Amino acid sequence: MQTLHASSPDDYASAVAAHPRLLVDFYKDNCPGCTMLDMSLRKFAAQPDAQGLVLLKVKLEQVGEEFFRGLGLRQTPTLAVFREGAEVARLPGFQSPVQVAAAVGAHL
């Protein structure tokens, strides 16, 4: 699984448009759940289901709280699943590697 980082709303929009199978990790610093989700994503990345997926990390402190609110995000971490540029699932809060794999299997 390839990992990218969005440093602006334009980076986010470009990644969503460019990658047909995309996971987006919306996170912030000093967030225990975000740290735990990051560990889950690393474990998931080692699984065969992660082949061909792109993970886009979007940090609240970098892209801005207004951008997060504009997307309807209410908490960090939130993991969003995109297929062909459309959001098909949103998973708020910590997700285990099994939950991430289940979401990928169901939606991608």
PDB file of N, CA and C in Angstrom:
ATOM      1  N   MET A   1       0.852  -1.172   0.000  1.00  0.00           N
ATOM      2  CA  MET A   1       0.000   0.000   0.000  1.00  0.00           C
ATOM      3  C   MET A   1       0.896   1.234   0.000  1.00  0.00           C
ATOM      4  N   GLN A   2       0.680   2.067  -0.979  1.00  0.00           N
ATOM      5  CA  GLN A   2       1.432   3.318  -1.102  1.00  0.00           C
ATOM      6  C   GLN A   2       0.821   4.358  -0.164  1.00  0.00           C
ATOM      7  N   THR A   3       1.657   5.156   0.498  1.00  0.00           N
ATOM      8  CA  THR A   3       1.182   6.216   1.390  1.00  0.00           C
ATOM      9  C   THR A   3       1.567   7.576   0.838  1.00  0.00           C
ATOM     10  N   LEU A   4       0.577   8.462   0.772  1.00  0.00           N
ATOM     11  CA  LEU A   4       0.765   9.838   0.347  1.00  0.00           C
ATOM     12  C   LEU A   4       0.339  10.765   1.473  1.00  0.00           C
ATOM     13  N   HIS A   5       0.776  12.018   1.417  1.00  0.00           N
ATOM     14  CA  HIS A   5       0.398  13.009   2.422  1.00  0.00           C
ATOM     15  C   HIS A   5      -0.163  14.231   1.703  1.00  0.00           C
ATOM     16  N   ALA A   6      -1.308  14.716   2.186  1.00  0.00           N
ATOM     17  CA  ALA A   6      -1.904  15.935   1.630  1.00  0.00           C
ATOM     18  C   ALA A   6      -1.529  17.097   2.531  1.00  0.00           C
ATOM     19  N   SER A   7      -0.935  18.129   1.943  1.00  0.00           N
ATOM     20  CA  SER A   7      -0.577  19.310   2.726  1.00  0.00           C
ATOM     21  C   SER A   7      -1.507  20.479   2.435  1.00  0.00           C
ATOM     22  N   SER A   8      -2.497  20.254   1.554  1.00  0.00           N
ATOM     23  CA  SER A   8      -3.456  21.310   1.226  1.00  0.00           C
ATOM     24  C   SER A   8      -4.747  20.660   0.725  1.00  0.00           C
ATOM     25  N   PRO A   9      -5.842  21.408   0.715  1.00  0.00           N
ATOM     26  CA  PRO A   9      -7.074  20.877   0.128  1.00  0.00           C
ATOM     27  C   PRO A   9      -6.895  20.472  -1.341  1.00  0.00           C
ATOM     28  N   ASP A  10      -6.047  21.187  -2.075  1.00  0.00           N
ATOM     29  CA  ASP A  10      -5.798  20.818  -3.470  1.00  0.00           C
ATOM     30  C   ASP A  10      -5.110  19.465  -3.585  1.00  0.00           C
ATOM     31  N   ASP A  11      -4.152  19.191  -2.680  1.00  0.00           N
ATOM     32  CA  ASP A  11      -3.494  17.879  -2.661  1.00  0.00           C
ATOM     33  C   ASP A  11      -4.519  16.772  -2.429  1.00  0.00           C
ATOM     34  N   TYR A  12      -5.433  17.029  -1.501  1.00  0.00           N
ATOM     35  CA  TYR A  12      -6.492  16.066  -1.181  1.00  0.00           C
ATOM     36  C   TYR A  12      -7.347  15.798  -2.426  1.00  0.00           C
ATOM     37  N   ALA A  13      -7.825  16.858  -3.063  1.00  0.00           N
ATOM     38  CA  ALA A  13      -8.686  16.715  -4.240  1.00  0.00           C
ATOM     39  C   ALA A  13      -7.961  15.995  -5.377  1.00  0.00           C
ATOM     40  N   SER A  14      -6.698  16.300  -5.566  1.00  0.00           N
ATOM     41  CA  SER A  14      -5.915  15.645  -6.620  1.00  0.00           C
ATOM     42  C   SER A  14      -5.776  14.149  -6.358  1.00  0.00           C
ATOM     43  N   ALA A  15      -5.508  13.786  -5.109  1.00  0.00           N
ATOM     44  CA  ALA A  15      -5.340  12.373  -4.768  1.00  0.00           C
ATOM     45  C   ALA A  15      -6.651  11.606  -4.940  1.00  0.00           C
ATOM     46  N   VAL A  16      -7.755  12.203  -4.516  1.00  0.00           N
ATOM     47  CA  VAL A  16      -9.060  11.551  -4.670  1.00  0.00           C
ATOM     48  C   VAL A  16      -9.353  11.317  -6.149  1.00  0.00           C
ATOM     49  N   ALA A  17      -9.040  12.288  -6.978  1.00  0.00           N
ATOM     50  CA  ALA A  17      -9.295  12.164  -8.415  1.00  0.00           C
ATOM     51  C   ALA A  17      -8.357  11.168  -9.096  1.00  0.00           C
ATOM     52  N   ALA A  18      -7.123  11.064  -8.607  1.00  0.00           N
ATOM     53  CA  ALA A  18      -6.097  10.266  -9.297  1.00  0.00           C
ATOM     54  C   ALA A  18      -6.076   8.790  -8.925  1.00  0.00           C
ATOM     55  N   HIS A  19      -6.606   8.428  -7.757  1.00  0.00           N
ATOM     56  CA  HIS A  19      -6.453   7.050  -7.272  1.00  0.00           C
ATOM     57  C   HIS A  19      -7.810   6.376  -7.117  1.00  0.00           C
ATOM     58  N   PRO A  20      -8.083   5.351  -7.939  1.00  0.00           N
ATOM     59  CA  PRO A  20      -9.402   4.716  -7.913  1.00  0.00           C
ATOM     60  C   PRO A  20      -9.706   3.931  -6.635  1.00  0.00           C
ATOM     61  N   ARG A  21      -8.686   3.472  -5.934  1.00  0.00           N
ATOM     62  CA  ARG A  21      -8.876   2.718  -4.683  1.00  0.00           C
ATOM     63  C   ARG A  21      -8.068   3.435  -3.607  1.00  0.00           C
ATOM     64  N   LEU A  22      -8.773   4.221  -2.781  1.00  0.00           N
ATOM     65  CA  LEU A  22      -8.097   5.126  -1.865  1.00  0.00           C
ATOM     66  C   LEU A  22      -8.689   5.053  -0.466  1.00  0.00           C
ATOM     67  N   LEU A  23      -7.805   4.981   0.519  1.00  0.00           N
ATOM     68  CA  LEU A  23      -8.177   5.151   1.924  1.00  0.00           C
ATOM     69  C   LEU A  23      -7.652   6.515   2.346  1.00  0.00           C
ATOM     70  N   VAL A  24      -8.465   7.279   3.056  1.00  0.00           N
ATOM     71  CA  VAL A  24      -8.034   8.590   3.544  1.00  0.00           C
ATOM     72  C   VAL A  24      -8.097   8.571   5.065  1.00  0.00           C
ATOM     73  N   ASP A  25      -6.950   8.820   5.670  1.00  0.00           N
ATOM     74  CA  ASP A  25      -6.832   8.874   7.125  1.00  0.00           C
ATOM     75  C   ASP A  25      -6.810  10.345   7.547  1.00  0.00           C
ATOM     76  N   PHE A  26      -7.922  10.812   8.123  1.00  0.00           N
ATOM     77  CA  PHE A  26      -8.009  12.174   8.644  1.00  0.00           C
ATOM     78  C   PHE A  26      -7.578  12.113  10.104  1.00  0.00           C
ATOM     79  N   TYR A  27      -6.513  12.828  10.450  1.00  0.00           N
ATOM     80  CA  TYR A  27      -5.950  12.715  11.798  1.00  0.00           C
ATOM     81  C   TYR A  27      -5.416  14.054  12.282  1.00  0.00           C
ATOM     82  N   LYS A  28      -5.019  14.068  13.554  1.00  0.00           N
ATOM     83  CA  LYS A  28      -4.347  15.241  14.109  1.00  0.00           C
ATOM     84  C   LYS A  28      -3.291  14.790  15.104  1.00  0.00           C
ATOM     85  N   ASP A  29      -2.368  15.700  15.396  1.00  0.00           N
ATOM     86  CA  ASP A  29      -1.331  15.413  16.387  1.00  0.00           C
ATOM     87  C   ASP A  29      -1.953  15.282  17.771  1.00  0.00           C
ATOM     88  N   ASN A  30      -1.253  14.606  18.642  1.00  0.00           N
ATOM     89  CA  ASN A  30      -1.685  14.450  20.041  1.00  0.00           C
ATOM     90  C   ASN A  30      -3.068  13.828  20.159  1.00  0.00           C
ATOM     91  N   CYS A  31      -3.366  12.875  19.305  1.00  0.00           N
ATOM     92  CA  CYS A  31      -4.650  12.169  19.304  1.00  0.00           C
ATOM     93  C   CYS A  31      -4.339  10.687  19.508  1.00  0.00           C
ATOM     94  N   PRO A  32      -4.611  10.146  20.711  1.00  0.00           N
ATOM     95  CA  PRO A  32      -4.283   8.738  20.966  1.00  0.00           C
ATOM     96  C   PRO A  32      -4.951   7.773  19.980  1.00  0.00           C
ATOM     97  N   GLY A  33      -6.210   8.027  19.638  1.00  0.00           N
ATOM     98  CA  GLY A  33      -6.897   7.159  18.676  1.00  0.00           C
ATOM     99  C   GLY A  33      -6.250   7.208  17.303  1.00  0.00           C
ATOM    100  N   CYS A  34      -5.723   8.383  16.946  1.00  0.00           N
ATOM    101  CA  CYS A  34      -5.047   8.534  15.653  1.00  0.00           C
ATOM    102  C   CYS A  34      -3.771   7.699  15.613  1.00  0.00           C
ATOM    103  N   THR A  35      -3.044   7.698  16.710  1.00  0.00           N
ATOM    104  CA  THR A  35      -1.821   6.895  16.804  1.00  0.00           C
ATOM    105  C   THR A  35      -2.149   5.415  16.688  1.00  0.00           C
ATOM    106  N   MET A  36      -3.226   4.995  17.366  1.00  0.00           N
ATOM    107  CA  MET A  36      -3.634   3.591  17.309  1.00  0.00           C
ATOM    108  C   MET A  36      -4.098   3.205  15.908  1.00  0.00           C
ATOM    109  N   LEU A  37      -4.847   4.097  15.234  1.00  0.00           N
ATOM    110  CA  LEU A  37      -5.285   3.809  13.869  1.00  0.00           C
ATOM    111  C   LEU A  37      -4.089   3.699  12.937  1.00  0.00           C
ATOM    112  N   ASP A  38      -3.092   4.547  13.139  1.00  0.00           N
ATOM    113  CA  ASP A  38      -1.884   4.487  12.322  1.00  0.00           C
ATOM    114  C   ASP A  38      -1.220   3.114  12.449  1.00  0.00           C
ATOM    115  N   MET A  39      -1.174   2.581  13.660  1.00  0.00           N
ATOM    116  CA  MET A  39      -0.606   1.239  13.862  1.00  0.00           C
ATOM    117  C   MET A  39      -1.454   0.185  13.146  1.00  0.00           C
ATOM    118  N   SER A  40      -2.771   0.307  13.213  1.00  0.00           N
ATOM    119  CA  SER A  40      -3.661  -0.622  12.514  1.00  0.00           C
ATOM    120  C   SER A  40      -3.433  -0.573  11.011  1.00  0.00           C
ATOM    121  N   LEU A  41      -3.289   0.632  10.481  1.00  0.00           N
ATOM    122  CA  LEU A  41      -3.081   0.776   9.044  1.00  0.00           C
ATOM    123  C   LEU A  41      -1.752   0.163   8.611  1.00  0.00           C
ATOM    124  N   ARG A  42      -0.739   0.289   9.452  1.00  0.00           N
ATOM    125  CA  ARG A  42       0.551  -0.338   9.128  1.00  0.00           C
ATOM    126  C   ARG A  42       0.422  -1.859   9.100  1.00  0.00           C
ATOM    127  N   LYS A  43      -0.325  -2.423  10.038  1.00  0.00           N
ATOM    128  CA  LYS A  43      -0.543  -3.876  10.045  1.00  0.00           C
ATOM    129  C   LYS A  43      -1.364  -4.299   8.829  1.00  0.00           C
ATOM    130  N   PHE A  44      -2.403  -3.525   8.522  1.00  0.00           N
ATOM    131  CA  PHE A  44      -3.225  -3.835   7.354  1.00  0.00           C
ATOM    132  C   PHE A  44      -2.406  -3.761   6.064  1.00  0.00           C
ATOM    133  N   ALA A  45      -1.495  -2.817   5.977  1.00  0.00           N
ATOM    134  CA  ALA A  45      -0.677  -2.627   4.775  1.00  0.00           C
ATOM    135  C   ALA A  45       0.129  -3.869   4.422  1.00  0.00           C
ATOM    136  N   ALA A  46       0.426  -4.700   5.415  1.00  0.00           N
ATOM    137  CA  ALA A  46       1.207  -5.913   5.173  1.00  0.00           C
ATOM    138  C   ALA A  46       0.351  -7.065   4.648  1.00  0.00           C
ATOM    139  N   GLN A  47      -0.958  -6.891   4.615  1.00  0.00           N
ATOM    140  CA  GLN A  47      -1.865  -7.950   4.180  1.00  0.00           C
ATOM    141  C   GLN A  47      -2.086  -7.890   2.666  1.00  0.00           C
ATOM    142  N   PRO A  48      -2.411  -9.034   2.062  1.00  0.00           N
ATOM    143  CA  PRO A  48      -2.652  -9.059   0.612  1.00  0.00           C
ATOM    144  C   PRO A  48      -3.786  -8.128   0.169  1.00  0.00           C
ATOM    145  N   ASP A  49      -4.786  -7.910   1.022  1.00  0.00           N
ATOM    146  CA  ASP A  49      -5.918  -7.036   0.674  1.00  0.00           C
ATOM    147  C   ASP A  49      -5.476  -5.595   0.409  1.00  0.00           C
ATOM    148  N   ALA A  50      -4.312  -5.211   0.926  1.00  0.00           N
ATOM    149  CA  ALA A  50      -3.835  -3.833   0.780  1.00  0.00           C
ATOM    150  C   ALA A  50      -3.156  -3.588  -0.566  1.00  0.00           C
ATOM    151  N   GLN A  51      -2.888  -4.646  -1.325  1.00  0.00           N
ATOM    152  CA  GLN A  51      -2.223  -4.504  -2.628  1.00  0.00           C
ATOM    153  C   GLN A  51      -3.030  -3.593  -3.538  1.00  0.00           C
ATOM    154  N   GLY A  52      -2.369  -2.627  -4.138  1.00  0.00           N
ATOM    155  CA  GLY A  52      -3.022  -1.734  -5.085  1.00  0.00           C
ATOM    156  C   GLY A  52      -3.781  -0.575  -4.460  1.00  0.00           C
ATOM    157  N   LEU A  53      -3.825  -0.530  -3.147  1.00  0.00           N
ATOM    158  CA  LEU A  53      -4.499   0.577  -2.462  1.00  0.00           C
ATOM    159  C   LEU A  53      -3.527   1.726  -2.236  1.00  0.00           C
ATOM    160  N   VAL A  54      -4.080   2.923  -2.132  1.00  0.00           N
ATOM    161  CA  VAL A  54      -3.299   4.099  -1.774  1.00  0.00           C
ATOM    162  C   VAL A  54      -3.892   4.644  -0.483  1.00  0.00           C
ATOM    163  N   LEU A  55      -3.027   4.984   0.458  1.00  0.00           N
ATOM    164  CA  LEU A  55      -3.432   5.610   1.711  1.00  0.00           C
ATOM    165  C   LEU A  55      -3.028   7.074   1.651  1.00  0.00           C
ATOM    166  N   LEU A  56      -3.996   7.952   1.840  1.00  0.00           N
ATOM    167  CA  LEU A  56      -3.732   9.385   1.878  1.00  0.00           C
ATOM    168  C   LEU A  56      -3.911   9.857   3.315  1.00  0.00           C
ATOM    169  N   LYS A  57      -2.851  10.431   3.880  1.00  0.00           N
ATOM    170  CA  LYS A  57      -2.901  10.939   5.250  1.00  0.00           C
ATOM    171  C   LYS A  57      -3.147  12.449   5.185  1.00  0.00           C
ATOM    172  N   VAL A  58      -4.200  12.892   5.874  1.00  0.00           N
ATOM    173  CA  VAL A  58      -4.590  14.298   5.877  1.00  0.00           C
ATOM    174  C   VAL A  58      -4.600  14.776   7.335  1.00  0.00           C
ATOM    175  N   LYS A  59      -3.666  15.662   7.644  1.00  0.00           N
ATOM    176  CA  LYS A  59      -3.474  16.136   9.024  1.00  0.00           C
ATOM    177  C   LYS A  59      -4.225  17.452   9.240  1.00  0.00           C
ATOM    178  N   LEU A  60      -5.088  17.464  10.244  1.00  0.00           N
ATOM    179  CA  LEU A  60      -5.913  18.629  10.553  1.00  0.00           C
ATOM    180  C   LEU A  60      -5.084  19.885  10.727  1.00  0.00           C
ATOM    181  N   GLU A  61      -3.998  19.806  11.473  1.00  0.00           N
ATOM    182  CA  GLU A  61      -3.183  20.984  11.733  1.00  0.00           C
ATOM    183  C   GLU A  61      -2.557  21.558  10.462  1.00  0.00           C
ATOM    184  N   GLN A  62      -2.460  20.742   9.431  1.00  0.00           N
ATOM    185  CA  GLN A  62      -1.816  21.193   8.203  1.00  0.00           C
ATOM    186  C   GLN A  62      -2.818  21.754   7.186  1.00  0.00           C
ATOM    187  N   VAL A  63      -3.947  21.078   7.014  1.00  0.00           N
ATOM    188  CA  VAL A  63      -4.911  21.539   6.010  1.00  0.00           C
ATOM    189  C   VAL A  63      -5.967  22.469   6.588  1.00  0.00           C
ATOM    190  N   GLY A  64      -6.136  22.472   7.895  1.00  0.00           N
ATOM    191  CA  GLY A  64      -7.032  23.421   8.540  1.00  0.00           C
ATOM    192  C   GLY A  64      -8.355  22.840   8.989  1.00  0.00           C
ATOM    193  N   GLU A  65      -8.823  23.365  10.099  1.00  0.00           N
ATOM    194  CA  GLU A  65     -10.074  22.893  10.698  1.00  0.00           C
ATOM    195  C   GLU A  65     -11.279  23.196   9.800  1.00  0.00           C
ATOM    196  N   GLU A  66     -11.249  24.327   9.098  1.00  0.00           N
ATOM    197  CA  GLU A  66     -12.356  24.668   8.194  1.00  0.00           C
ATOM    198  C   GLU A  66     -12.527  23.618   7.104  1.00  0.00           C
ATOM    199  N   PHE A  67     -11.407  23.130   6.574  1.00  0.00           N
ATOM    200  CA  PHE A  67     -11.460  22.087   5.546  1.00  0.00           C
ATOM    201  C   PHE A  67     -12.115  20.831   6.111  1.00  0.00           C
ATOM    202  N   PHE A  68     -11.715  20.428   7.322  1.00  0.00           N
ATOM    203  CA  PHE A  68     -12.288  19.240   7.963  1.00  0.00           C
ATOM    204  C   PHE A  68     -13.789  19.418   8.164  1.00  0.00           C
ATOM    205  N   ARG A  69     -14.188  20.561   8.681  1.00  0.00           N
ATOM    206  CA  ARG A  69     -15.619  20.816   8.916  1.00  0.00           C
ATOM    207  C   ARG A  69     -16.393  20.827   7.611  1.00  0.00           C
ATOM    208  N   GLY A  70     -15.781  21.366   6.564  1.00  0.00           N
ATOM    209  CA  GLY A  70     -16.424  21.392   5.256  1.00  0.00           C
ATOM    210  C   GLY A  70     -16.722  20.012   4.698  1.00  0.00           C
ATOM    211  N   LEU A  71     -15.931  19.039   5.120  1.00  0.00           N
ATOM    212  CA  LEU A  71     -16.158  17.650   4.701  1.00  0.00           C
ATOM    213  C   LEU A  71     -17.137  16.930   5.620  1.00  0.00           C
ATOM    214  N   GLY A  72     -17.596  17.625   6.666  1.00  0.00           N
ATOM    215  CA  GLY A  72     -18.525  17.001   7.605  1.00  0.00           C
ATOM    216  C   GLY A  72     -17.850  16.112   8.621  1.00  0.00           C
ATOM    217  N   LEU A  73     -16.553  16.256   8.784  1.00  0.00           N
ATOM    218  CA  LEU A  73     -15.839  15.438   9.760  1.00  0.00           C
ATOM    219  C   LEU A  73     -16.114  15.963  11.158  1.00  0.00           C
ATOM    220  N   ARG A  74     -16.428  15.036  12.066  1.00  0.00           N
ATOM    221  CA  ARG A  74     -16.769  15.417  13.425  1.00  0.00           C
ATOM    222  C   ARG A  74     -15.732  14.968  14.444  1.00  0.00           C
ATOM    223  N   GLN A  75     -14.847  14.070  14.035  1.00  0.00           N
ATOM    224  CA  GLN A  75     -13.844  13.581  14.977  1.00  0.00           C
ATOM    225  C   GLN A  75     -12.631  13.048  14.242  1.00  0.00           C
ATOM    226  N   THR A  76     -11.536  13.001  14.983  1.00  0.00           N
ATOM    227  CA  THR A  76     -10.345  12.315  14.491  1.00  0.00           C
ATOM    228  C   THR A  76     -10.069  11.175  15.454  1.00  0.00           C
ATOM    229  N   PRO A  77      -9.588  10.073  14.967  1.00  0.00           N
ATOM    230  CA  PRO A  77      -9.376   9.791  13.545  1.00  0.00           C
ATOM    231  C   PRO A  77     -10.684   9.459  12.839  1.00  0.00           C
ATOM    232  N   THR A  78     -10.686   9.660  11.555  1.00  0.00           N
ATOM    233  CA  THR A  78     -11.746   9.172  10.679  1.00  0.00           C
ATOM    234  C   THR A  78     -11.064   8.599   9.450  1.00  0.00           C
ATOM    235  N   LEU A  79     -11.498   7.418   9.075  1.00  0.00           N
ATOM    236  CA  LEU A  79     -10.971   6.756   7.887  1.00  0.00           C
ATOM    237  C   LEU A  79     -12.081   6.757   6.833  1.00  0.00           C
ATOM    238  N   ALA A  80     -11.789   7.267   5.665  1.00  0.00           N
ATOM    239  CA  ALA A  80     -12.768   7.291   4.568  1.00  0.00           C
ATOM    240  C   ALA A  80     -12.282   6.380   3.452  1.00  0.00           C
ATOM    241  N   VAL A  81     -13.225   5.702   2.830  1.00  0.00           N
ATOM    242  CA  VAL A  81     -12.930   4.786   1.735  1.00  0.00           C
ATOM    243  C   VAL A  81     -13.491   5.402   0.455  1.00  0.00           C
ATOM    244  N   PHE A  82     -12.635   5.545  -0.561  1.00  0.00           N
ATOM    245  CA  PHE A  82     -13.035   6.124  -1.840  1.00  0.00           C
ATOM    246  C   PHE A  82     -12.850   5.102  -2.953  1.00  0.00           C
ATOM    247  N   ARG A  83     -13.873   5.014  -3.801  1.00  0.00           N
ATOM    248  CA  ARG A  83     -13.796   4.172  -5.001  1.00  0.00           C
ATOM    249  C   ARG A  83     -14.118   5.052  -6.197  1.00  0.00           C
ATOM    250  N   GLU A  84     -13.181   5.131  -7.139  1.00  0.00           N
ATOM    251  CA  GLU A  84     -13.362   5.919  -8.368  1.00  0.00           C
ATOM    252  C   GLU A  84     -13.754   7.363  -8.057  1.00  0.00           C
ATOM    253  N   GLY A  85     -13.134   7.952  -7.030  1.00  0.00           N
ATOM    254  CA  GLY A  85     -13.358   9.356  -6.703  1.00  0.00           C
ATOM    255  C   GLY A  85     -14.560   9.652  -5.829  1.00  0.00           C
ATOM    256  N   ALA A  86     -15.328   8.624  -5.464  1.00  0.00           N
ATOM    257  CA  ALA A  86     -16.519   8.824  -4.634  1.00  0.00           C
ATOM    258  C   ALA A  86     -16.313   8.168  -3.269  1.00  0.00           C
ATOM    259  N   GLU A  87     -16.693   8.876  -2.219  1.00  0.00           N
ATOM    260  CA  GLU A  87     -16.608   8.299  -0.878  1.00  0.00           C
ATOM    261  C   GLU A  87     -17.715   7.258  -0.727  1.00  0.00           C
ATOM    262  N   VAL A  88     -17.307   6.027  -0.396  1.00  0.00           N
ATOM    263  CA  VAL A  88     -18.277   4.935  -0.268  1.00  0.00           C
ATOM    264  C   VAL A  88     -18.447   4.470   1.170  1.00  0.00           C
ATOM    265  N   ALA A  89     -17.547   4.892   2.065  1.00  0.00           N
ATOM    266  CA  ALA A  89     -17.674   4.542   3.480  1.00  0.00           C
ATOM    267  C   ALA A  89     -16.868   5.528   4.311  1.00  0.00           C
ATOM    268  N   ARG A  90     -17.363   5.768   5.519  1.00  0.00           N
ATOM    269  CA  ARG A  90     -16.659   6.631   6.473  1.00  0.00           C
ATOM    270  C   ARG A  90     -16.680   5.925   7.820  1.00  0.00           C
ATOM    271  N   LEU A  91     -15.488   5.721   8.372  1.00  0.00           N
ATOM    272  CA  LEU A  91     -15.340   4.987   9.626  1.00  0.00           C
ATOM    273  C   LEU A  91     -14.750   5.911  10.689  1.00  0.00           C
ATOM    274  N   PRO A  92     -15.591   6.495  11.546  1.00  0.00           N
ATOM    275  CA  PRO A  92     -15.066   7.384  12.580  1.00  0.00           C
ATOM    276  C   PRO A  92     -14.468   6.597  13.740  1.00  0.00           C
ATOM    277  N   GLY A  93     -13.426   7.156  14.330  1.00  0.00           N
ATOM    278  CA  GLY A  93     -12.802   6.533  15.494  1.00  0.00           C
ATOM    279  C   GLY A  93     -11.795   5.468  15.116  1.00  0.00           C
ATOM    280  N   PHE A  94     -11.235   4.853  16.145  1.00  0.00           N
ATOM    281  CA  PHE A  94     -10.236   3.811  15.948  1.00  0.00           C
ATOM    282  C   PHE A  94     -10.833   2.624  15.208  1.00  0.00           C
ATOM    283  N   GLN A  95     -10.070   2.057  14.293  1.00  0.00           N
ATOM    284  CA  GLN A  95     -10.450   0.843  13.558  1.00  0.00           C
ATOM    285  C   GLN A  95      -9.310  -0.157  13.665  1.00  0.00           C
ATOM    286  N   SER A  96      -9.646  -1.389  13.992  1.00  0.00           N
ATOM    287  CA  SER A  96      -8.624  -2.433  14.058  1.00  0.00           C
ATOM    288  C   SER A  96      -8.239  -2.842  12.639  1.00  0.00           C
ATOM    289  N   PRO A  97      -7.108  -3.556  12.484  1.00  0.00           N
ATOM    290  CA  PRO A  97      -6.746  -4.036  11.147  1.00  0.00           C
ATOM    291  C   PRO A  97      -7.859  -4.892  10.523  1.00  0.00           C
ATOM    292  N   VAL A  98      -8.557  -5.673  11.337  1.00  0.00           N
ATOM    293  CA  VAL A  98      -9.656  -6.511  10.839  1.00  0.00           C
ATOM    294  C   VAL A  98     -10.804  -5.635  10.331  1.00  0.00           C
ATOM    295  N   GLN A  99     -11.112  -4.557  11.052  1.00  0.00           N
ATOM    296  CA  GLN A  99     -12.173  -3.649  10.618  1.00  0.00           C
ATOM    297  C   GLN A  99     -11.790  -2.920   9.329  1.00  0.00           C
ATOM    298  N   VAL A 100     -10.533  -2.522   9.217  1.00  0.00           N
ATOM    299  CA  VAL A 100     -10.070  -1.877   7.985  1.00  0.00           C
ATOM    300  C   VAL A 100     -10.196  -2.855   6.812  1.00  0.00           C
ATOM    301  N   ALA A 101      -9.758  -4.090   7.017  1.00  0.00           N
ATOM    302  CA  ALA A 101      -9.846  -5.105   5.961  1.00  0.00           C
ATOM    303  C   ALA A 101     -11.291  -5.368   5.568  1.00  0.00           C
ATOM    304  N   ALA A 102     -12.197  -5.400   6.543  1.00  0.00           N
ATOM    305  CA  ALA A 102     -13.613  -5.630   6.258  1.00  0.00           C
ATOM    306  C   ALA A 102     -14.189  -4.493   5.430  1.00  0.00           C
ATOM    307  N   ALA A 103     -13.832  -3.254   5.751  1.00  0.00           N
ATOM    308  CA  ALA A 103     -14.329  -2.102   4.991  1.00  0.00           C
ATOM    309  C   ALA A 103     -13.793  -2.125   3.565  1.00  0.00           C
ATOM    310  N   VAL A 104     -12.528  -2.453   3.418  1.00  0.00           N
ATOM    311  CA  VAL A 104     -11.924  -2.541   2.083  1.00  0.00           C
ATOM    312  C   VAL A 104     -12.621  -3.666   1.288  1.00  0.00           C
ATOM    313  N   GLY A 105     -12.799  -4.812   1.918  1.00  0.00           N
ATOM    314  CA  GLY A 105     -13.445  -5.931   1.250  1.00  0.00           C
ATOM    315  C   GLY A 105     -14.884  -5.627   0.824  1.00  0.00           C
ATOM    316  N   ALA A 106     -15.601  -4.883   1.652  1.00  0.00           N
ATOM    317  CA  ALA A 106     -16.993  -4.576   1.373  1.00  0.00           C
ATOM    318  C   ALA A 106     -17.156  -3.482   0.320  1.00  0.00           C
ATOM    319  N   HIS A 107     -16.210  -2.551   0.260  1.00  0.00           N
ATOM    320  CA  HIS A 107     -16.406  -1.367  -0.576  1.00  0.00           C
ATOM    321  C   HIS A 107     -15.448  -1.235  -1.762  1.00  0.00           C
ATOM    322  N   LEU A 108     -14.331  -1.965  -1.737  1.00  0.00           N
ATOM    323  CA  LEU A 108     -13.373  -1.851  -2.830  1.00  0.00           C
ATOM    324  C   LEU A 108     -13.195  -3.205  -3.489  1.00  0.00           C
TER     325      LEU A 108
END
